[in-house]
Structures are given as C-alpha cells and as structure tokens.
Amino acid sequence: MRIGTFMKASLTVAALAFGTAMTSSSVQAQNLLGNPSFETPSAAAGDVSNAPGAPWAGFNQGTLRFTTASQAHTGTQSVKTFGPFDGIGGGVGANQVVPVVPGVSYSGSIFARQITGDVLAGLNFGAYQLQYLTAASAPIGASPFESTHFTSSSGTDTWVQLSVNAGVAPANAAFIRAQFVQVQLGDGNGNQVGGAIYWDDASAAALGVSNDGFPSRFWACTEDEVIAMPNASAATVSDAFMNVPIRINPSERD
C-alpha cells in the first residue's frame, strides 16, 4: 500500500521539526527519559531532598539525594548524592523505566562531577547503568550494562560524561531501566568514607536496529518516497520518525 499526499506532508513536517533532512540511512532518536536535567523538584529556594522528581524513582535514603542549584551542566540545577553510610557495598541513586522495541539498539549517558573539598574518598565510585526488562519488569541478564566508573581520579570541578551501550534489545525486552548510582565501598579496610557526586543530563535513546531485528511494522522506501506502514495513521508514522531510527529496506517497496 502507499500513503497519500497528506501522509507524505506529515512526514516532511516531522522531519523538519526534528531539525534534520530525511535521508536514506536514519533519523536520530530523541532522549526517552523524562526530567533528564533534574529540573524538578525546584531547588531555587535551597536544596531539596528525596530527589530527583518524577518520573525518576529514588532508592536508599532520601536524605542522601538532593536537587541543587549549586552546580549544573545544563539548565539551572543537578542532583547531588552522598554516601551511603548504611554499610559497605550499599548504593544510593535513582532510576527510570521506559519502553523499548526488541531488535533496536539503545545507549545512554549522564554527566558526573565532584568538587574541591568533597571529592570521592577511598574506593567509592559512581556509575550509569542500563538494563533491559521483560513486560513483567523482570531483569534480563545477570547484571546491567554499566559505564566506566566515576572515581576520585576522574577529575575535579569538571563535568565528565559517563556513557553506556546496552546493545540490541532482546526479543523478550519490553522496557529499559536507566539508573545512576553512587556506591560505598569504603577505604578497603571496612571503614565507610565520604565524598559526593553531582549528576546532570541523563539520556537513554535508540541507536538503530539489528540486521534482523527491525520492527516489521516499518516498511522503508527512498527519501523521495513515502513510508508505507500497514494500518498506520498519520500520527503513528510521525511518531515513528520522531522516536525510532528508520532503516531503508528497498526490497520492501511496493
């Protein structure tokens, strides 16, 4: 089937709104995370505990997680984490779960910072993690995909980007969980030590598709043709352009 003139116009508008021309390779996906720069809850009047705000879900003590206006990579604030001090191996942070499409590759990143006077001590570190989940929210795989660790030697008074590639979403994946965490490993002798991390600009996005995992509902043509999607509405096609990279497959032209 072929979509009419109105649909083709909708696709053109979607591509222009995204800030790039349609090509025969892909359209860059947008960040899937909500509140990625941790602008809520507002810390304009002072640090706010039990952060960050929805749709993030914090874990461990809320008094160890703050939004603060004292540091920001972009926007006006970030999240600051401490400790935790409830035992060696404990962690504090927050996570967010978003839908994924099996067969599509996902990656993410976050910016981390430590400042003079409150640098991570001992073996303490921070990391950004991505993990696929089933429709029942069960983790897929023994452990999450994890970024390089942010440690006391990662630099001071500068923002460091921590990136992680989760690879191709497996066939049973329905969601991906993005999580930042500060881990207390102490001084190596069983003693808990201090230090804090500022976090900002978290992301999780689709990279592309595997050779055999492209969602079957997408039938791609050349950039001068329309995109045929059986039983698809204009809104559905527009959303596909805005959220999922499109792989050209000439064999599926009508």
C-alpha atoms as a PDB file:
ATOM      1  CA  MET A   1       0.000   0.000   0.000  1.00  0.00           C
ATOM      2  CA  ARG A   2       1.090   3.625  -0.402  1.00  0.00           C
ATOM      3  CA  ILE A   3       0.178   6.520   1.866  1.00  0.00           C
ATOM      4  CA  GLY A   4      -1.326   9.582   0.222  1.00  0.00           C
ATOM      5  CA  THR A   5      -0.221  13.175  -0.150  1.00  0.00           C
ATOM      6  CA  PHE A   6      -1.420  14.221   3.302  1.00  0.00           C
ATOM      7  CA  MET A   7       0.682  11.495   4.943  1.00  0.00           C
ATOM      8  CA  LYS A   8       3.751  12.448   2.938  1.00  0.00           C
ATOM      9  CA  ALA A   9       3.321  16.065   4.021  1.00  0.00           C
ATOM     10  CA  SER A  10       3.048  14.951   7.644  1.00  0.00           C
ATOM     11  CA  LEU A  11       6.339  13.059   7.357  1.00  0.00           C
ATOM     12  CA  THR A  12       8.042  16.064   5.815  1.00  0.00           C
ATOM     13  CA  VAL A  13       6.841  18.315   8.634  1.00  0.00           C
ATOM     14  CA  ALA A  14       8.011  15.767  11.211  1.00  0.00           C
ATOM     15  CA  ALA A  15      11.466  15.626   9.679  1.00  0.00           C
ATOM     16  CA  LEU A  16      11.787  19.410   9.505  1.00  0.00           C
ATOM     17  CA  ALA A  17      10.565  19.794  13.073  1.00  0.00           C
ATOM     18  CA  PHE A  18      13.250  17.356  14.142  1.00  0.00           C
ATOM     19  CA  GLY A  19      15.841  19.717  12.702  1.00  0.00           C
ATOM     20  CA  THR A  20      17.273  17.460  10.018  1.00  0.00           C
ATOM     21  CA  ALA A  21      16.526  16.363   6.487  1.00  0.00           C
ATOM     22  CA  MET A  22      15.228  12.866   5.837  1.00  0.00           C
ATOM     23  CA  THR A  23      17.971  10.648   4.435  1.00  0.00           C
ATOM     24  CA  SER A  24      18.265   7.067   3.255  1.00  0.00           C
ATOM     25  CA  SER A  25      20.024   5.977   6.443  1.00  0.00           C
ATOM     26  CA  SER A  26      18.375   7.010   9.720  1.00  0.00           C
ATOM     27  CA  VAL A  27      16.739   9.704  11.802  1.00  0.00           C
ATOM     28  CA  GLN A  28      18.346  10.371  15.186  1.00  0.00           C
ATOM     29  CA  ALA A  29      16.148   9.262  18.057  1.00  0.00           C
ATOM     30  CA  GLN A  30      15.208  11.555  20.876  1.00  0.00           C
ATOM     31  CA  ASN A  31      16.012  11.118  24.553  1.00  0.00           C
ATOM     32  CA  LEU A  32      13.439   8.750  26.051  1.00  0.00           C
ATOM     33  CA  LEU A  33      13.881   9.949  29.640  1.00  0.00           C
ATOM     34  CA  GLY A  34      11.678  12.446  31.415  1.00  0.00           C
ATOM     35  CA  ASN A  35      13.156  15.164  33.633  1.00  0.00           C
ATOM     36  CA  PRO A  36      16.636  14.346  32.227  1.00  0.00           C
ATOM     37  CA  SER A  37      18.269  17.511  33.566  1.00  0.00           C
ATOM     38  CA  PHE A  38      16.725  17.122  37.033  1.00  0.00           C
ATOM     39  CA  GLU A  39      14.947  20.475  36.972  1.00  0.00           C
ATOM     40  CA  THR A  40      12.291  19.146  39.358  1.00  0.00           C
ATOM     41  CA  PRO A  41      11.810  19.425  42.248  1.00  0.00           C
ATOM     42  CA  SER A  42      12.928  23.048  42.075  1.00  0.00           C
ATOM     43  CA  ALA A  43      15.916  23.923  44.249  1.00  0.00           C
ATOM     44  CA  ALA A  44      15.631  27.668  43.650  1.00  0.00           C
ATOM     45  CA  ALA A  45      14.994  28.252  47.350  1.00  0.00           C
ATOM     46  CA  GLY A  46      17.573  25.716  48.527  1.00  0.00           C
ATOM     47  CA  ASP A  47      18.495  22.044  48.176  1.00  0.00           C
ATOM     48  CA  VAL A  48      15.526  19.641  48.116  1.00  0.00           C
ATOM     49  CA  SER A  49      15.900  16.111  49.472  1.00  0.00           C
ATOM     50  CA  ASN A  50      14.297  12.886  48.246  1.00  0.00           C
ATOM     51  CA  ALA A  51      15.201  13.852  44.678  1.00  0.00           C
ATOM     52  CA  PRO A  52      15.018  13.686  41.729  1.00  0.00           C
ATOM     53  CA  GLY A  53      11.386  14.231  40.825  1.00  0.00           C
ATOM     54  CA  ALA A  54       9.110  12.029  38.708  1.00  0.00           C
ATOM     55  CA  PRO A  55       9.388  10.050  36.567  1.00  0.00           C
ATOM     56  CA  TRP A  56      12.598   9.151  38.417  1.00  0.00           C
ATOM     57  CA  ALA A  57      12.300   6.781  41.367  1.00  0.00           C
ATOM     58  CA  GLY A  58      14.966   7.222  44.037  1.00  0.00           C
ATOM     59  CA  PHE A  59      16.378   4.425  46.186  1.00  0.00           C
ATOM     60  CA  ASN A  60      18.097   4.339  49.574  1.00  0.00           C
ATOM     61  CA  GLN A  61      17.763   7.291  51.945  1.00  0.00           C
ATOM     62  CA  GLY A  62      16.050  10.351  50.522  1.00  0.00           C
ATOM     63  CA  THR A  63      18.307  12.479  52.707  1.00  0.00           C
ATOM     64  CA  LEU A  64      21.248  11.377  50.555  1.00  0.00           C
ATOM     65  CA  ARG A  65      19.671  12.594  47.276  1.00  0.00           C
ATOM     66  CA  PHE A  66      19.141  16.299  46.587  1.00  0.00           C
ATOM     67  CA  THR A  67      18.324  18.591  43.725  1.00  0.00           C
ATOM     68  CA  THR A  68      20.621  21.579  43.985  1.00  0.00           C
ATOM     69  CA  ALA A  69      21.154  24.835  42.123  1.00  0.00           C
ATOM     70  CA  SER A  70      24.804  24.999  43.210  1.00  0.00           C
ATOM     71  CA  GLN A  71      26.001  23.014  40.162  1.00  0.00           C
ATOM     72  CA  ALA A  72      24.517  22.446  36.697  1.00  0.00           C
ATOM     73  CA  HIS A  73      25.793  21.075  33.416  1.00  0.00           C
ATOM     74  CA  THR A  74      22.790  22.481  31.558  1.00  0.00           C
ATOM     75  CA  GLY A  75      19.658  24.098  32.912  1.00  0.00           C
ATOM     76  CA  THR A  76      19.750  25.507  36.414  1.00  0.00           C
ATOM     77  CA  GLN A  77      20.305  22.517  38.697  1.00  0.00           C
ATOM     78  CA  SER A  78      21.514  18.943  39.135  1.00  0.00           C
ATOM     79  CA  VAL A  79      21.161  16.029  41.553  1.00  0.00           C
ATOM     80  CA  LYS A  80      23.703  15.561  44.335  1.00  0.00           C
ATOM     81  CA  THR A  81      24.247  12.196  46.033  1.00  0.00           C
ATOM     82  CA  PHE A  82      26.152  11.259  49.190  1.00  0.00           C
ATOM     83  CA  GLY A  83      27.392   8.054  50.769  1.00  0.00           C
ATOM     84  CA  PRO A  84      25.511   5.967  51.501  1.00  0.00           C
ATOM     85  CA  PHE A  85      26.555   5.179  55.069  1.00  0.00           C
ATOM     86  CA  ASP A  86      24.423   2.111  55.742  1.00  0.00           C
ATOM     87  CA  GLY A  87      27.137  -0.449  55.088  1.00  0.00           C
ATOM     88  CA  ILE A  88      29.926  -1.373  52.701  1.00  0.00           C
ATOM     89  CA  GLY A  89      28.575  -2.126  49.238  1.00  0.00           C
ATOM     90  CA  GLY A  90      25.436  -0.015  49.588  1.00  0.00           C
ATOM     91  CA  GLY A  91      24.301   2.367  46.883  1.00  0.00           C
ATOM     92  CA  VAL A  92      22.153   5.468  46.527  1.00  0.00           C
ATOM     93  CA  GLY A  93      20.665   6.907  43.353  1.00  0.00           C
ATOM     94  CA  ALA A  94      17.587   6.847  41.144  1.00  0.00           C
ATOM     95  CA  ASN A  95      16.215   5.055  38.119  1.00  0.00           C
ATOM     96  CA  GLN A  96      13.628   5.452  35.402  1.00  0.00           C
ATOM     97  CA  VAL A  97      11.961   2.819  33.212  1.00  0.00           C
ATOM     98  CA  VAL A  98      10.913   3.478  29.595  1.00  0.00           C
ATOM     99  CA  PRO A  99       9.576   1.245  26.779  1.00  0.00           C
ATOM    100  CA  VAL A 100      11.864  -0.231  24.127  1.00  0.00           C
ATOM    101  CA  VAL A 101      11.417  -2.069  20.831  1.00  0.00           C
ATOM    102  CA  PRO A 102      13.057  -5.508  20.509  1.00  0.00           C
ATOM    103  CA  GLY A 103      15.743  -5.556  17.845  1.00  0.00           C
ATOM    104  CA  VAL A 104      16.652  -1.899  18.337  1.00  0.00           C
ATOM    105  CA  SER A 105      19.966  -0.895  19.952  1.00  0.00           C
ATOM    106  CA  TYR A 106      19.954   1.511  22.893  1.00  0.00           C
ATOM    107  CA  SER A 107      22.602   3.584  24.626  1.00  0.00           C
ATOM    108  CA  GLY A 108      22.705   6.314  27.225  1.00  0.00           C
ATOM    109  CA  SER A 109      24.883   8.693  29.155  1.00  0.00           C
ATOM    110  CA  ILE A 110      24.972  11.040  32.111  1.00  0.00           C
ATOM    111  CA  PHE A 111      27.324  13.780  33.270  1.00  0.00           C
ATOM    112  CA  ALA A 112      29.007  13.488  36.677  1.00  0.00           C
ATOM    113  CA  ARG A 113      31.031  15.999  38.677  1.00  0.00           C
ATOM    114  CA  GLN A 114      32.870  16.196  42.005  1.00  0.00           C
ATOM    115  CA  ILE A 115      34.092  19.411  43.522  1.00  0.00           C
ATOM    116  CA  THR A 116      37.091  20.501  45.524  1.00  0.00           C
ATOM    117  CA  GLY A 117      36.515  19.852  49.218  1.00  0.00           C
ATOM    118  CA  ASP A 118      34.101  16.938  48.681  1.00  0.00           C
ATOM    119  CA  VAL A 119      35.954  14.550  46.361  1.00  0.00           C
ATOM    120  CA  LEU A 120      35.110  10.849  46.494  1.00  0.00           C
ATOM    121  CA  ALA A 121      37.250   9.091  49.077  1.00  0.00           C
ATOM    122  CA  GLY A 122      38.666   5.596  49.167  1.00  0.00           C
ATOM    123  CA  LEU A 123      37.127   3.093  46.744  1.00  0.00           C
ATOM    124  CA  ASN A 124      33.782   4.880  46.417  1.00  0.00           C
ATOM    125  CA  PHE A 125      32.509   5.353  42.864  1.00  0.00           C
ATOM    126  CA  GLY A 126      29.555   6.327  40.718  1.00  0.00           C
ATOM    127  CA  ALA A 127      28.207   4.698  37.555  1.00  0.00           C
ATOM    128  CA  TYR A 128      25.434   4.916  34.992  1.00  0.00           C
ATOM    129  CA  GLN A 129      23.596   1.697  34.145  1.00  0.00           C
ATOM    130  CA  LEU A 130      21.119   0.409  31.580  1.00  0.00           C
ATOM    131  CA  GLN A 131      19.235  -2.873  31.910  1.00  0.00           C
ATOM    132  CA  TYR A 132      16.543  -4.442  29.749  1.00  0.00           C
ATOM    133  CA  LEU A 133      13.377  -5.664  31.456  1.00  0.00           C
ATOM    134  CA  THR A 134      10.603  -8.033  30.398  1.00  0.00           C
ATOM    135  CA  ALA A 135       6.950  -6.990  30.239  1.00  0.00           C
ATOM    136  CA  ALA A 136       6.696  -8.272  33.821  1.00  0.00           C
ATOM    137  CA  SER A 137       9.610  -5.962  34.806  1.00  0.00           C
ATOM    138  CA  ALA A 138      11.986  -8.889  35.375  1.00  0.00           C
ATOM    139  CA  PRO A 139      15.638  -8.020  34.664  1.00  0.00           C
ATOM    140  CA  ILE A 140      17.131  -9.585  31.536  1.00  0.00           C
ATOM    141  CA  GLY A 141      20.701 -10.706  32.129  1.00  0.00           C
ATOM    142  CA  ALA A 142      22.646 -11.249  35.322  1.00  0.00           C
ATOM    143  CA  SER A 143      23.725  -7.611  35.637  1.00  0.00           C
ATOM    144  CA  PRO A 144      23.110  -4.258  33.941  1.00  0.00           C
ATOM    145  CA  PHE A 145      25.282  -2.684  31.288  1.00  0.00           C
ATOM    146  CA  GLU A 146      27.479  -0.195  33.130  1.00  0.00           C
ATOM    147  CA  SER A 147      29.552   2.859  32.289  1.00  0.00           C
ATOM    148  CA  THR A 148      33.154   3.451  33.268  1.00  0.00           C
ATOM    149  CA  HIS A 149      33.264   4.191  36.990  1.00  0.00           C
ATOM    150  CA  PHE A 150      33.457   7.770  38.198  1.00  0.00           C
ATOM    151  CA  THR A 151      36.075   7.814  40.980  1.00  0.00           C
ATOM    152  CA  SER A 152      38.306  10.131  42.962  1.00  0.00           C
ATOM    153  CA  SER A 153      40.699  10.171  39.989  1.00  0.00           C
ATOM    154  CA  SER A 154      38.056  11.166  37.440  1.00  0.00           C
ATOM    155  CA  GLY A 155      38.842  14.859  37.732  1.00  0.00           C
ATOM    156  CA  THR A 156      37.685  17.665  39.981  1.00  0.00           C
ATOM    157  CA  ASP A 157      35.500  20.689  39.238  1.00  0.00           C
ATOM    158  CA  THR A 158      34.708  19.437  35.733  1.00  0.00           C
ATOM    159  CA  TRP A 159      31.791  17.546  34.188  1.00  0.00           C
ATOM    160  CA  VAL A 160      32.631  14.038  32.970  1.00  0.00           C
ATOM    161  CA  GLN A 161      30.325  12.165  30.600  1.00  0.00           C
ATOM    162  CA  LEU A 162      29.662   8.544  31.532  1.00  0.00           C
ATOM    163  CA  SER A 163      28.376   6.543  28.565  1.00  0.00           C
ATOM    164  CA  VAL A 164      26.951   3.032  28.302  1.00  0.00           C
ATOM    165  CA  ASN A 165      25.869   0.948  25.316  1.00  0.00           C
ATOM    166  CA  ALA A 166      23.214  -1.664  26.050  1.00  0.00           C
ATOM    167  CA  GLY A 167      23.430  -3.302  22.629  1.00  0.00           C
ATOM    168  CA  VAL A 168      20.390  -4.750  20.872  1.00  0.00           C
ATOM    169  CA  ALA A 169      17.191  -5.143  22.883  1.00  0.00           C
ATOM    170  CA  PRO A 170      16.410  -8.893  23.021  1.00  0.00           C
ATOM    171  CA  ALA A 171      13.164 -10.357  21.744  1.00  0.00           C
ATOM    172  CA  ASN A 172      11.630 -10.525  25.239  1.00  0.00           C
ATOM    173  CA  ALA A 173      12.530  -6.928  26.177  1.00  0.00           C
ATOM    174  CA  ALA A 174       9.685  -4.509  26.848  1.00  0.00           C
ATOM    175  CA  PHE A 175      11.486  -1.823  28.863  1.00  0.00           C
ATOM    176  CA  ILE A 176      14.905  -0.458  29.691  1.00  0.00           C
ATOM    177  CA  ARG A 177      15.863   0.849  33.123  1.00  0.00           C
ATOM    178  CA  ALA A 178      18.276   3.783  33.265  1.00  0.00           C
ATOM    179  CA  GLN A 179      19.956   4.228  36.640  1.00  0.00           C
ATOM    180  CA  PHE A 180      22.650   6.359  38.222  1.00  0.00           C
ATOM    181  CA  VAL A 181      24.174   5.143  41.466  1.00  0.00           C
ATOM    182  CA  GLN A 182      26.843   6.144  43.955  1.00  0.00           C
ATOM    183  CA  VAL A 183      28.380   3.106  45.661  1.00  0.00           C
ATOM    184  CA  GLN A 184      30.008   2.993  49.104  1.00  0.00           C
ATOM    185  CA  LEU A 185      32.997   0.642  49.072  1.00  0.00           C
ATOM    186  CA  GLY A 186      34.821   2.412  51.883  1.00  0.00           C
ATOM    187  CA  ASP A 187      38.568   2.654  52.331  1.00  0.00           C
ATOM    188  CA  GLY A 188      39.265  -1.016  51.634  1.00  0.00           C
ATOM    189  CA  ASN A 189      39.561  -1.787  55.349  1.00  0.00           C
ATOM    190  CA  GLY A 190      35.873  -1.905  56.191  1.00  0.00           C
ATOM    191  CA  ASN A 191      35.559   1.784  57.042  1.00  0.00           C
ATOM    192  CA  GLN A 192      32.973   3.977  55.340  1.00  0.00           C
ATOM    193  CA  VAL A 193      34.273   7.165  53.733  1.00  0.00           C
ATOM    194  CA  GLY A 194      32.754  10.276  52.198  1.00  0.00           C
ATOM    195  CA  GLY A 195      32.520  12.250  49.004  1.00  0.00           C
ATOM    196  CA  ALA A 196      29.642  13.425  46.804  1.00  0.00           C
ATOM    197  CA  ILE A 197      28.680  13.303  43.126  1.00  0.00           C
ATOM    198  CA  TYR A 198      26.622  15.794  41.111  1.00  0.00           C
ATOM    199  CA  TRP A 199      24.615  14.288  38.239  1.00  0.00           C
ATOM    200  CA  ASP A 200      23.051  16.016  35.231  1.00  0.00           C
ATOM    201  CA  ASP A 201      21.705  15.455  31.719  1.00  0.00           C
ATOM    202  CA  ALA A 202      20.835  11.774  31.745  1.00  0.00           C
ATOM    203  CA  SER A 203      19.832  10.121  28.487  1.00  0.00           C
ATOM    204  CA  ALA A 204      18.640   6.838  27.023  1.00  0.00           C
ATOM    205  CA  ALA A 205      17.969   6.641  23.298  1.00  0.00           C
ATOM    206  CA  ALA A 206      17.671   4.278  20.366  1.00  0.00           C
ATOM    207  CA  LEU A 207      20.835   3.891  18.314  1.00  0.00           C
ATOM    208  CA  GLY A 208      19.495   1.837  15.431  1.00  0.00           C
ATOM    209  CA  VAL A 209      18.376  -1.652  14.533  1.00  0.00           C
ATOM    210  CA  SER A 210      19.981  -5.032  14.161  1.00  0.00           C
ATOM    211  CA  ASN A 211      20.206  -6.678  10.761  1.00  0.00           C
ATOM    212  CA  ASP A 212      17.330  -8.996  11.519  1.00  0.00           C
ATOM    213  CA  GLY A 213      15.566  -7.162  14.283  1.00  0.00           C
ATOM    214  CA  PHE A 214      13.937  -4.221  12.539  1.00  0.00           C
ATOM    215  CA  PRO A 215      10.321  -3.808  13.696  1.00  0.00           C
ATOM    216  CA  SER A 216       8.211  -5.359  10.949  1.00  0.00           C
ATOM    217  CA  ARG A 217       5.632  -2.585  11.025  1.00  0.00           C
ATOM    218  CA  PHE A 218       8.099  -0.226   9.306  1.00  0.00           C
ATOM    219  CA  TRP A 219       8.346  -0.510   5.510  1.00  0.00           C
ATOM    220  CA  ALA A 220      11.015   1.909   4.346  1.00  0.00           C
ATOM    221  CA  CYS A 221      11.433   3.428   0.874  1.00  0.00           C
ATOM    222  CA  THR A 222      13.794   6.023  -0.543  1.00  0.00           C
ATOM    223  CA  GLU A 223      13.904   9.545   0.824  1.00  0.00           C
ATOM    224  CA  ASP A 224      11.841  10.733  -2.179  1.00  0.00           C
ATOM    225  CA  GLU A 225       9.048   8.278  -1.483  1.00  0.00           C
ATOM    226  CA  VAL A 226       6.565   7.895   1.317  1.00  0.00           C
ATOM    227  CA  ILE A 227       6.938   5.427   4.170  1.00  0.00           C
ATOM    228  CA  ALA A 228       4.318   2.687   3.930  1.00  0.00           C
ATOM    229  CA  MET A 229       3.014   1.345   7.219  1.00  0.00           C
ATOM    230  CA  PRO A 230       0.077  -1.096   7.040  1.00  0.00           C
ATOM    231  CA  ASN A 231      -2.915   0.116   9.058  1.00  0.00           C
ATOM    232  CA  ALA A 232      -0.931   3.132  10.285  1.00  0.00           C
ATOM    233  CA  SER A 233      -2.332   6.556  11.000  1.00  0.00           C
ATOM    234  CA  ALA A 234      -0.569   9.832  10.272  1.00  0.00           C
ATOM    235  CA  ALA A 235       0.173  10.240  13.978  1.00  0.00           C
ATOM    236  CA  THR A 236       1.736   6.781  14.157  1.00  0.00           C
ATOM    237  CA  VAL A 237       4.023   7.419  11.216  1.00  0.00           C
ATOM    238  CA  SER A 238       5.021  10.836  12.534  1.00  0.00           C
ATOM    239  CA  ASP A 239       5.807   9.333  15.943  1.00  0.00           C
ATOM    240  CA  ALA A 240       7.939   6.690  14.295  1.00  0.00           C
ATOM    241  CA  PHE A 241      10.042   9.341  12.611  1.00  0.00           C
ATOM    242  CA  MET A 242      10.439  11.262  15.850  1.00  0.00           C
ATOM    243  CA  ASN A 243      11.345   8.309  18.039  1.00  0.00           C
ATOM    244  CA  VAL A 244      12.791   5.375  16.092  1.00  0.00           C
ATOM    245  CA  PRO A 245      15.645   5.366  13.557  1.00  0.00           C
ATOM    246  CA  ILE A 246      14.367   4.253  10.159  1.00  0.00           C
ATOM    247  CA  ARG A 247      16.398   1.683   8.204  1.00  0.00           C
ATOM    248  CA  ILE A 248      15.982   1.761   4.450  1.00  0.00           C
ATOM    249  CA  ASN A 249      14.994  -1.601   3.002  1.00  0.00           C
ATOM    250  CA  PRO A 250      14.476  -1.269  -0.777  1.00  0.00           C
ATOM    251  CA  SER A 251      13.170  -4.829  -1.052  1.00  0.00           C
ATOM    252  CA  GLU A 252      10.031  -3.824   0.798  1.00  0.00           C
ATOM    253  CA  ARG A 253       8.964  -1.037  -1.563  1.00  0.00           C
ATOM    254  CA  ASP A 254       5.577  -1.658  -3.079  1.00  0.00           C
END
